[in-house]
Amino acid sequence: MTARHGRTARTPVSPRDRATLSGTRLPEPRPAATTDGRASTPRDELARLAGDLLDQPTSRDVWRQQLSLTRVLDWLEGFPADTWQDRWLLSGSDDQGSAWGPQGLSAGTRSRFTTGLGILIVLQAVRPTYGWLFGSRLLGVYDAYRRHNQTSCSPSFGSVPADARAATSTRPRP
């Protein structure tokens, strides 16, 4: 056998060589489990969960968030599907990049749509492709997603357990 690029070329095992193929069989690979996040969550539950995303909300912030979420959910409900993710895909917005959503919107309405979609992304009701996310550059959505979905997985930076703080506390020198 000759070596190419630091590797040894291998000859494939022939199906005619039954002695080689009679070893123990590996188990069949199982398909990866897929989760739909909150893609099938009712809209009133999404509205309740969206309220938890705001830090120190004012009544105006709550109103703006509810209006934004309602606009996007109303638009998505116009597509015949069972989940928010399926409706998102049927809308064709994933392929449109930054031109997603209904056409001919004013700047204010477009801003509300973008805010509402950001809420759905953070709540994992809609999962756009990486290409769409990269092209759209939704400000603040990545940070909100990380805060909302990863806080239970890892402690925040800078948090030190109480026993570690006590062990490293400064004591006056004698």
Foldseek 3Di string as FASTA:
>chain_A
DDDDPNHDDDDDDDPVPVVVVPDDDDDDDDDDDDDQQCFQPDLVVLLVVLVVLDDPDDPVNNVLQVVLQVVQVVQLVVAPDRTSQVSLVVQVQLVVAQCRDDPDDDPVNVVSPLSNVLSCVLSSNYDRDPVSCVRNVRPPSVVSSCVRPPCVPDPDPPDDDPVVCVVPPDDDDD
